Amino acid sequence: MTEQCLNDNSYNSIHQITKTLEFLSHADRYIEDAKKSGDSEAEKIWNTIKDDRQKHAEMLKGLIVADVKNNKF
């Protein structure tokens, strides 16, 4: 039997922050594309999603920091 290196909750936090940061690395391009096409509604929506995802990334970072402090890694 192999010992699990990382509990599921910690893995999920790391996995999701990776996905969130990946999205954020593209978000400005989506906003710029909406601007270029003159679609102010799409631009507004992409900005809202970007803001939400930034908040989510901070929340996930907090979980990860707490796991590290509690020796869950």
C-alpha atoms as a PDB file:
ATOM      1  CA  MET A   1       0.000   0.000   0.000  1.00  0.00           C
ATOM      2  CA  THR A   2       1.380   3.414  -0.944  1.00  0.00           C
ATOM      3  CA  GLU A   3       1.106   6.384   1.334  1.00  0.00           C
ATOM      4  CA  GLN A   4      -0.701   9.396  -0.080  1.00  0.00           C
ATOM      5  CA  CYS A   5       1.579  12.429  -0.286  1.00  0.00           C
ATOM      6  CA  LEU A   6      -1.176  15.013  -0.421  1.00  0.00           C
ATOM      7  CA  ASN A   7      -4.696  14.840   0.935  1.00  0.00           C
ATOM      8  CA  ASP A   8      -7.579  15.308  -1.491  1.00  0.00           C
ATOM      9  CA  ASN A   9      -8.573  18.695  -0.104  1.00  0.00           C
ATOM     10  CA  SER A  10      -5.068  20.144  -0.525  1.00  0.00           C
ATOM     11  CA  TYR A  11      -4.798  18.626  -3.997  1.00  0.00           C
ATOM     12  CA  ASN A  12      -8.150  20.153  -4.973  1.00  0.00           C
ATOM     13  CA  SER A  13      -7.047  23.592  -3.773  1.00  0.00           C
ATOM     14  CA  ILE A  14      -3.810  23.420  -5.751  1.00  0.00           C
ATOM     15  CA  HIS A  15      -5.539  22.055  -8.836  1.00  0.00           C
ATOM     16  CA  GLN A  16      -8.210  24.745  -8.796  1.00  0.00           C
ATOM     17  CA  ILE A  17      -5.834  27.662  -8.166  1.00  0.00           C
ATOM     18  CA  THR A  18      -3.789  26.435 -11.129  1.00  0.00           C
ATOM     19  CA  LYS A  19      -6.894  26.470 -13.352  1.00  0.00           C
ATOM     20  CA  THR A  20      -7.920  29.878 -12.021  1.00  0.00           C
ATOM     21  CA  LEU A  21      -4.493  31.410 -12.627  1.00  0.00           C
ATOM     22  CA  GLU A  22      -4.435  29.885 -16.096  1.00  0.00           C
ATOM     23  CA  PHE A  23      -7.720  31.630 -16.886  1.00  0.00           C
ATOM     24  CA  LEU A  24      -6.412  34.904 -15.463  1.00  0.00           C
ATOM     25  CA  SER A  25      -3.374  34.713 -17.722  1.00  0.00           C
ATOM     26  CA  HIS A  26      -5.782  34.915 -20.696  1.00  0.00           C
ATOM     27  CA  ALA A  27      -8.462  37.236 -19.318  1.00  0.00           C
ATOM     28  CA  ASP A  28      -6.888  40.485 -20.502  1.00  0.00           C
ATOM     29  CA  ARG A  29      -6.804  39.129 -24.039  1.00  0.00           C
ATOM     30  CA  TYR A  30     -10.526  38.313 -23.844  1.00  0.00           C
ATOM     31  CA  ILE A  31     -11.235  41.828 -22.587  1.00  0.00           C
ATOM     32  CA  GLU A  32      -9.119  43.363 -25.336  1.00  0.00           C
ATOM     33  CA  ASP A  33     -10.872  41.260 -27.993  1.00  0.00           C
ATOM     34  CA  ALA A  34     -14.250  42.474 -26.742  1.00  0.00           C
ATOM     35  CA  LYS A  35     -12.967  46.072 -26.817  1.00  0.00           C
ATOM     36  CA  LYS A  36     -11.668  45.672 -30.372  1.00  0.00           C
ATOM     37  CA  SER A  37     -15.002  44.318 -31.531  1.00  0.00           C
ATOM     38  CA  GLY A  38     -16.838  47.200 -29.868  1.00  0.00           C
ATOM     39  CA  ASP A  39     -18.827  44.871 -27.622  1.00  0.00           C
ATOM     40  CA  SER A  40     -19.041  46.805 -24.359  1.00  0.00           C
ATOM     41  CA  GLU A  41     -21.355  44.216 -22.791  1.00  0.00           C
ATOM     42  CA  ALA A  42     -18.861  41.400 -23.425  1.00  0.00           C
ATOM     43  CA  GLU A  43     -16.054  43.612 -22.120  1.00  0.00           C
ATOM     44  CA  LYS A  44     -18.030  44.279 -18.949  1.00  0.00           C
ATOM     45  CA  ILE A  45     -18.781  40.577 -18.467  1.00  0.00           C
ATOM     46  CA  TRP A  46     -15.143  39.548 -18.983  1.00  0.00           C
ATOM     47  CA  ASN A  47     -14.027  42.199 -16.490  1.00  0.00           C
ATOM     48  CA  THR A  48     -16.561  40.939 -13.943  1.00  0.00           C
ATOM     49  CA  ILE A  49     -15.447  37.338 -14.433  1.00  0.00           C
ATOM     50  CA  LYS A  50     -11.793  38.396 -14.141  1.00  0.00           C
ATOM     51  CA  ASP A  51     -12.504  40.242 -10.875  1.00  0.00           C
ATOM     52  CA  ASP A  52     -14.388  37.239  -9.485  1.00  0.00           C
ATOM     53  CA  ARG A  53     -11.626  34.826 -10.456  1.00  0.00           C
ATOM     54  CA  GLN A  54      -9.013  37.073  -8.821  1.00  0.00           C
ATOM     55  CA  LYS A  55     -11.040  36.899  -5.606  1.00  0.00           C
ATOM     56  CA  HIS A  56     -11.288  33.118  -5.967  1.00  0.00           C
ATOM     57  CA  ALA A  57      -7.526  32.866  -6.443  1.00  0.00           C
ATOM     58  CA  GLU A  58      -6.971  34.821  -3.228  1.00  0.00           C
ATOM     59  CA  MET A  59      -9.413  32.573  -1.357  1.00  0.00           C
ATOM     60  CA  LEU A  60      -7.673  29.444  -2.630  1.00  0.00           C
ATOM     61  CA  LYS A  61      -4.283  30.913  -1.763  1.00  0.00           C
ATOM     62  CA  GLY A  62      -5.550  31.349   1.796  1.00  0.00           C
ATOM     63  CA  LEU A  63      -6.542  27.678   1.951  1.00  0.00           C
ATOM     64  CA  ILE A  64      -3.149  26.601   0.659  1.00  0.00           C
ATOM     65  CA  VAL A  65      -1.280  28.851   3.095  1.00  0.00           C
ATOM     66  CA  ALA A  66      -3.357  27.452   5.965  1.00  0.00           C
ATOM     67  CA  ASP A  67      -2.596  23.890   4.832  1.00  0.00           C
ATOM     68  CA  VAL A  68       1.112  24.661   4.735  1.00  0.00           C
ATOM     69  CA  LYS A  69       0.994  26.217   8.210  1.00  0.00           C
ATOM     70  CA  ASN A  70      -0.869  23.168   9.499  1.00  0.00           C
ATOM     71  CA  ASN A  71       1.684  20.767   7.966  1.00  0.00           C
ATOM     72  CA  LYS A  72      -0.851  19.235   5.569  1.00  0.00           C
ATOM     73  CA  PHE A  73       1.728  19.179   2.786  1.00  0.00           C
END
